C-alpha atoms as a PDB file:
ATOM      1  CA  MET A   1     119.500 163.644 172.688  1.00  0.00           C
ATOM      2  CA  ASN A   2     117.831 166.582 174.434  1.00  0.00           C
ATOM      3  CA  ILE A   3     116.832 165.931 178.037  1.00  0.00           C
ATOM      4  CA  GLY A   4     114.651 168.028 180.312  1.00  0.00           C
ATOM      5  CA  VAL A   5     115.547 167.574 183.974  1.00  0.00           C
ATOM      6  CA  CYS A   6     113.321 168.476 186.899  1.00  0.00           C
ATOM      7  CA  GLY A   7     114.848 168.414 190.342  1.00  0.00           C
ATOM      8  CA  GLY A   8     113.032 168.988 193.591  1.00  0.00           C
ATOM      9  CA  THR A   9     111.869 167.699 196.909  1.00  0.00           C
ATOM     10  CA  PHE A  10     108.601 166.400 195.398  1.00  0.00           C
ATOM     11  CA  ASP A  11     106.955 166.108 198.811  1.00  0.00           C
ATOM     12  CA  PRO A  12     104.527 165.066 197.576  1.00  0.00           C
ATOM     13  CA  PHE A  13     104.844 164.748 193.821  1.00  0.00           C
ATOM     14  CA  HIS A  14     101.788 166.413 192.277  1.00  0.00           C
ATOM     15  CA  ARG A  15     100.215 167.560 189.007  1.00  0.00           C
ATOM     16  CA  GLY A  16     102.007 170.897 189.266  1.00  0.00           C
ATOM     17  CA  HIS A  17     105.290 169.015 188.813  1.00  0.00           C
ATOM     18  CA  LEU A  18     104.072 166.988 185.842  1.00  0.00           C
ATOM     19  CA  ASP A  19     101.503 168.833 183.725  1.00  0.00           C
ATOM     20  CA  PRO A  20     103.499 172.006 182.942  1.00  0.00           C
ATOM     21  CA  VAL A  21     106.562 169.950 181.952  1.00  0.00           C
ATOM     22  CA  LEU A  22     104.525 167.713 179.654  1.00  0.00           C
ATOM     23  CA  ALA A  23     102.867 170.815 178.170  1.00  0.00           C
ATOM     24  CA  ILE A  24     106.190 172.328 177.042  1.00  0.00           C
ATOM     25  CA  ARG A  25     108.003 169.102 176.192  1.00  0.00           C
ATOM     26  CA  THR A  26     107.495 169.295 172.427  1.00  0.00           C
ATOM     27  CA  GLN A  27     108.169 173.040 172.343  1.00  0.00           C
ATOM     28  CA  MET A  28     111.498 172.455 174.115  1.00  0.00           C
ATOM     29  CA  GLY A  29     112.435 169.501 171.895  1.00  0.00           C
ATOM     30  CA  TRP A  30     113.028 167.038 174.728  1.00  0.00           C
ATOM     31  CA  ASN A  31     113.497 163.394 173.781  1.00  0.00           C
ATOM     32  CA  ARG A  32     113.353 162.450 177.437  1.00  0.00           C
ATOM     33  CA  VAL A  33     112.361 163.989 180.758  1.00  0.00           C
ATOM     34  CA  ILE A  34     114.064 162.956 183.994  1.00  0.00           C
ATOM     35  CA  TYR A  35     112.753 163.819 187.453  1.00  0.00           C
ATOM     36  CA  VAL A  36     115.389 163.846 190.194  1.00  0.00           C
ATOM     37  CA  PRO A  37     114.123 163.751 193.771  1.00  0.00           C
ATOM     38  CA  ALA A  38     116.555 165.537 196.087  1.00  0.00           C
ATOM     39  CA  TRP A  39     117.960 163.899 199.183  1.00  0.00           C
ATOM     40  CA  ARG A  40     117.958 167.325 200.852  1.00  0.00           C
ATOM     41  CA  GLN A  41     117.685 170.659 199.083  1.00  0.00           C
ATOM     42  CA  PRO A  42     120.133 173.307 200.283  1.00  0.00           C
ATOM     43  CA  PHE A  43     117.405 175.972 200.525  1.00  0.00           C
ATOM     44  CA  LYS A  44     115.082 173.624 202.434  1.00  0.00           C
ATOM     45  CA  ALA A  45     117.637 171.995 204.749  1.00  0.00           C
ATOM     46  CA  ASP A  46     115.696 173.110 207.824  1.00  0.00           C
ATOM     47  CA  ARG A  47     112.502 171.262 206.790  1.00  0.00           C
ATOM     48  CA  ASP A  48     111.533 167.703 207.546  1.00  0.00           C
ATOM     49  CA  THR A  49     110.521 165.706 204.485  1.00  0.00           C
ATOM     50  CA  THR A  50     108.997 162.370 203.707  1.00  0.00           C
ATOM     51  CA  SER A  51     111.518 159.595 203.137  1.00  0.00           C
ATOM     52  CA  GLY A  52     113.409 160.007 199.873  1.00  0.00           C
ATOM     53  CA  TYR A  53     112.417 156.544 198.826  1.00  0.00           C
ATOM     54  CA  HIS A  54     108.709 157.307 199.299  1.00  0.00           C
ATOM     55  CA  ARG A  55     109.107 160.541 197.329  1.00  0.00           C
ATOM     56  CA  PHE A  56     110.882 158.563 194.603  1.00  0.00           C
ATOM     57  CA  THR A  57     108.018 156.057 194.557  1.00  0.00           C
ATOM     58  CA  MET A  58     105.424 158.836 194.302  1.00  0.00           C
ATOM     59  CA  ALA A  59     107.266 160.295 191.309  1.00  0.00           C
ATOM     60  CA  VAL A  60     107.495 156.873 189.634  1.00  0.00           C
ATOM     61  CA  LEU A  61     103.774 156.254 190.184  1.00  0.00           C
ATOM     62  CA  ALA A  62     102.856 159.658 188.744  1.00  0.00           C
ATOM     63  CA  THR A  63     105.063 159.347 185.650  1.00  0.00           C
ATOM     64  CA  ARG A  64     104.736 155.661 184.815  1.00  0.00           C
ATOM     65  CA  GLU A  65     102.186 156.126 182.017  1.00  0.00           C
ATOM     66  CA  HIS A  66     104.173 158.802 180.186  1.00  0.00           C
ATOM     67  CA  GLU A  67     106.528 157.702 177.452  1.00  0.00           C
ATOM     68  CA  ASP A  68     110.176 158.682 177.879  1.00  0.00           C
ATOM     69  CA  VAL A  69     109.579 160.201 181.322  1.00  0.00           C
ATOM     70  CA  TYR A  70     111.850 158.725 183.980  1.00  0.00           C
ATOM     71  CA  VAL A  71     112.719 159.187 187.639  1.00  0.00           C
ATOM     72  CA  SER A  72     116.389 159.026 188.611  1.00  0.00           C
ATOM     73  CA  PRO A  73     117.654 158.079 192.077  1.00  0.00           C
ATOM     74  CA  VAL A  74     120.990 159.827 191.449  1.00  0.00           C
ATOM     75  CA  GLU A  75     120.644 162.353 194.315  1.00  0.00           C
ATOM     76  CA  LEU A  76     119.098 159.817 196.688  1.00  0.00           C
ATOM     77  CA  GLU A  77     121.977 157.422 196.068  1.00  0.00           C
ATOM     78  CA  ARG A  78     124.527 160.192 196.582  1.00  0.00           C
ATOM     79  CA  GLY A  79     122.871 161.310 199.850  1.00  0.00           C
ATOM     80  CA  GLY A  80     123.659 164.540 201.676  1.00  0.00           C
ATOM     81  CA  VAL A  81     122.726 167.959 200.384  1.00  0.00           C
ATOM     82  CA  SER A  82     121.636 167.803 196.746  1.00  0.00           C
ATOM     83  CA  TYR A  83     123.404 170.330 194.549  1.00  0.00           C
ATOM     84  CA  THR A  84     122.230 170.774 190.969  1.00  0.00           C
ATOM     85  CA  VAL A  85     125.760 171.274 189.678  1.00  0.00           C
ATOM     86  CA  GLU A  86     126.824 167.855 190.982  1.00  0.00           C
ATOM     87  CA  THR A  87     123.722 166.205 189.540  1.00  0.00           C
ATOM     88  CA  LEU A  88     124.277 167.794 186.132  1.00  0.00           C
ATOM     89  CA  GLN A  89     127.908 166.661 186.116  1.00  0.00           C
ATOM     90  CA  GLU A  90     126.771 163.127 186.891  1.00  0.00           C
ATOM     91  CA  LEU A  91     124.081 163.231 184.198  1.00  0.00           C
ATOM     92  CA  HIS A  92     126.674 164.404 181.661  1.00  0.00           C
ATOM     93  CA  GLU A  93     128.760 161.345 182.536  1.00  0.00           C
ATOM     94  CA  MET A  94     125.729 159.071 182.144  1.00  0.00           C
ATOM     95  CA  TYR A  95     124.599 160.684 178.860  1.00  0.00           C
ATOM     96  CA  PRO A  96     127.783 162.118 177.282  1.00  0.00           C
ATOM     97  CA  ASP A  97     126.134 163.058 173.980  1.00  0.00           C
ATOM     98  CA  ALA A  98     123.076 164.733 175.504  1.00  0.00           C
ATOM     99  CA  THR A  99     122.181 168.359 176.046  1.00  0.00           C
ATOM    100  CA  PHE A 100     120.326 169.258 179.228  1.00  0.00           C
ATOM    101  CA  ASP A 101     117.640 171.727 180.191  1.00  0.00           C
ATOM    102  CA  TRP A 102     117.121 172.142 183.937  1.00  0.00           C
ATOM    103  CA  VAL A 103     113.509 173.083 184.641  1.00  0.00           C
ATOM    104  CA  ILE A 104     112.640 175.473 187.474  1.00  0.00           C
ATOM    105  CA  GLY A 105     109.585 177.431 188.532  1.00  0.00           C
ATOM    106  CA  ASP A 106     109.699 181.200 188.328  1.00  0.00           C
ATOM    107  CA  ASP A 107     109.616 181.270 192.135  1.00  0.00           C
ATOM    108  CA  HIS A 108     113.226 179.979 192.083  1.00  0.00           C
ATOM    109  CA  VAL A 109     114.737 182.427 189.575  1.00  0.00           C
ATOM    110  CA  SER A 110     115.596 185.003 192.222  1.00  0.00           C
ATOM    111  CA  GLN A 111     117.760 182.393 194.022  1.00  0.00           C
ATOM    112  CA  LEU A 112     119.505 181.024 190.938  1.00  0.00           C
ATOM    113  CA  LEU A 113     122.734 182.987 191.339  1.00  0.00           C
ATOM    114  CA  ALA A 114     122.945 181.775 194.965  1.00  0.00           C
ATOM    115  CA  TRP A 115     123.049 178.136 193.812  1.00  0.00           C
ATOM    116  CA  LYS A 116     126.380 176.334 194.097  1.00  0.00           C
ATOM    117  CA  HIS A 117     128.724 177.283 191.206  1.00  0.00           C
ATOM    118  CA  PRO A 118     126.200 179.234 189.086  1.00  0.00           C
ATOM    119  CA  GLU A 119     128.668 179.823 186.225  1.00  0.00           C
ATOM    120  CA  ARG A 120     129.296 176.085 185.956  1.00  0.00           C
ATOM    121  CA  LEU A 121     125.530 175.452 186.070  1.00  0.00           C
ATOM    122  CA  PHE A 122     124.939 177.592 182.981  1.00  0.00           C
ATOM    123  CA  ALA A 123     127.774 175.783 181.198  1.00  0.00           C
ATOM    124  CA  LEU A 124     126.217 172.392 181.975  1.00  0.00           C
ATOM    125  CA  ALA A 125     122.587 173.212 181.159  1.00  0.00           C
ATOM    126  CA  ARG A 126     120.141 175.690 179.793  1.00  0.00           C
ATOM    127  CA  PHE A 127     117.616 176.743 182.432  1.00  0.00           C
ATOM    128  CA  ILE A 128     113.943 176.619 181.514  1.00  0.00           C
ATOM    129  CA  VAL A 129     111.654 178.699 183.709  1.00  0.00           C
ATOM    130  CA  LEU A 130     108.048 177.554 183.960  1.00  0.00           C
ATOM    131  CA  ALA A 131     106.458 180.975 184.024  1.00  0.00           C
ATOM    132  CA  ARG A 132     103.380 181.649 186.099  1.00  0.00           C
ATOM    133  CA  GLY A 133     103.670 185.388 185.890  1.00  0.00           C
ATOM    134  CA  GLY A 134     106.166 185.725 188.710  1.00  0.00           C
ATOM    135  CA  PRO A 135     108.861 188.360 189.029  1.00  0.00           C
ATOM    136  CA  ALA A 136     110.984 189.377 186.053  1.00  0.00           C
ATOM    137  CA  PRO A 137     114.527 188.023 186.062  1.00  0.00           C
ATOM    138  CA  ALA A 138     117.075 189.969 188.035  1.00  0.00           C
ATOM    139  CA  PRO A 139     119.171 192.356 185.937  1.00  0.00           C
ATOM    140  CA  GLU A 140     122.239 190.175 186.537  1.00  0.00           C
ATOM    141  CA  LEU A 141     120.431 187.351 184.665  1.00  0.00           C
ATOM    142  CA  ALA A 142     119.636 189.475 181.603  1.00  0.00           C
ATOM    143  CA  GLU A 143     122.748 188.267 179.754  1.00  0.00           C
ATOM    144  CA  ARG A 144     121.690 184.640 180.256  1.00  0.00           C
ATOM    145  CA  VAL A 145     118.246 185.432 178.858  1.00  0.00           C
ATOM    146  CA  ALA A 146     119.824 187.221 175.879  1.00  0.00           C
ATOM    147  CA  THR A 147     122.149 184.275 175.138  1.00  0.00           C
ATOM    148  CA  GLY A 148     119.385 181.680 175.518  1.00  0.00           C
ATOM    149  CA  ARG A 149     120.846 180.037 178.655  1.00  0.00           C
ATOM    150  CA  LEU A 150     117.752 181.128 180.622  1.00  0.00           C
ATOM    151  CA  VAL A 151     114.462 180.633 178.779  1.00  0.00           C
ATOM    152  CA  TYR A 152     110.976 181.505 179.991  1.00  0.00           C
ATOM    153  CA  ALA A 153     108.375 178.959 178.852  1.00  0.00           C
ATOM    154  CA  GLN A 154     104.738 180.033 178.969  1.00  0.00           C
ATOM    155  CA  ASN A 155     101.964 177.469 178.771  1.00  0.00           C
ATOM    156  CA  GLU A 156      98.333 176.944 179.622  1.00  0.00           C
ATOM    157  CA  SER A 157      98.914 174.344 182.346  1.00  0.00           C
ATOM    158  CA  VAL A 158      98.108 175.278 185.886  1.00  0.00           C
ATOM    159  CA  LEU A 159     101.377 175.730 187.703  1.00  0.00           C
ATOM    160  CA  ILE A 160     101.273 175.000 191.397  1.00  0.00           C
ATOM    161  CA  SER A 161     104.049 175.853 193.819  1.00  0.00           C
ATOM    162  CA  SER A 162     104.773 173.501 196.726  1.00  0.00           C
ATOM    163  CA  THR A 163     104.411 176.481 199.050  1.00  0.00           C
ATOM    164  CA  ASP A 164     100.979 177.667 197.869  1.00  0.00           C
ATOM    165  CA  ARG A 165      99.040 174.617 196.742  1.00  0.00           C
ATOM    166  CA  PRO A 166      96.172 172.746 198.341  1.00  0.00           C
ATOM    167  CA  HIS A 167      97.595 169.228 198.717  1.00  0.00           C
ATOM    168  CA  ASP A 168      94.588 166.994 198.158  1.00  0.00           C
ATOM    169  CA  ARG A 169      93.346 168.593 194.919  1.00  0.00           C
ATOM    170  CA  SER A 170      96.644 168.394 193.096  1.00  0.00           C
ATOM    171  CA  ASP A 171      97.931 164.875 193.747  1.00  0.00           C
ATOM    172  CA  PRO A 172      97.785 162.299 190.973  1.00  0.00           C
ATOM    173  CA  THR A 173      95.606 159.506 192.352  1.00  0.00           C
ATOM    174  CA  ALA A 174      98.318 156.892 192.818  1.00  0.00           C
ATOM    175  CA  CYS A 175     100.578 159.367 194.608  1.00  0.00           C
ATOM    176  CA  SER A 176      97.779 160.454 196.910  1.00  0.00           C
ATOM    177  CA  HIS A 177      97.134 156.853 197.913  1.00  0.00           C
ATOM    178  CA  HIS A 178     100.846 156.259 198.483  1.00  0.00           C
ATOM    179  CA  ARG A 179     101.265 159.446 200.504  1.00  0.00           C
ATOM    180  CA  HIS A 180      98.250 158.798 202.719  1.00  0.00           C
ATOM    181  CA  GLY A 181      99.162 155.144 203.161  1.00  0.00           C
ATOM    182  CA  SER A 182     102.692 153.854 203.581  1.00  0.00           C
ATOM    183  CA  ALA A 183     104.574 157.145 203.213  1.00  0.00           C
ATOM    184  CA  ARG A 184     103.688 158.533 206.624  1.00  0.00           C
END
């Protein structure tokens, strides 16, 4: 089984998290997609976020009509700072026969080697970069691109970064209602 995994704060979960992933799903050969809301991201530890359980609910509401798209509470249940390497190790234990692709936006590529245990990360998963025309990979990532452990996926979906998007126009309807209602 091939599984695409999308981790993030998802505060709020919006179309920019869903549409680009669905657009490349067939191209990447994913049998399943799993979204993993972070308890606290290491690069966003100084920011306040909506409750993890509300962010989980928003992701479930946004993905519920898509076949073989799931939301995992693995990082919320673990608590603390959410490290991708720990999540991937846990997913390998849950799905021992699966291969994993960890999906990131091109705005995160420049930080990839600063993630916890980057060598182990590339052993546990292939990294798929949702390209929106951002910066080229750093020279130190060129080998990973050449060996297929870092793949740039272009598609026609509108990619929206959490740092540059207008909130109200990008929320799936159910998530918008949840966020403006009980998630405050």
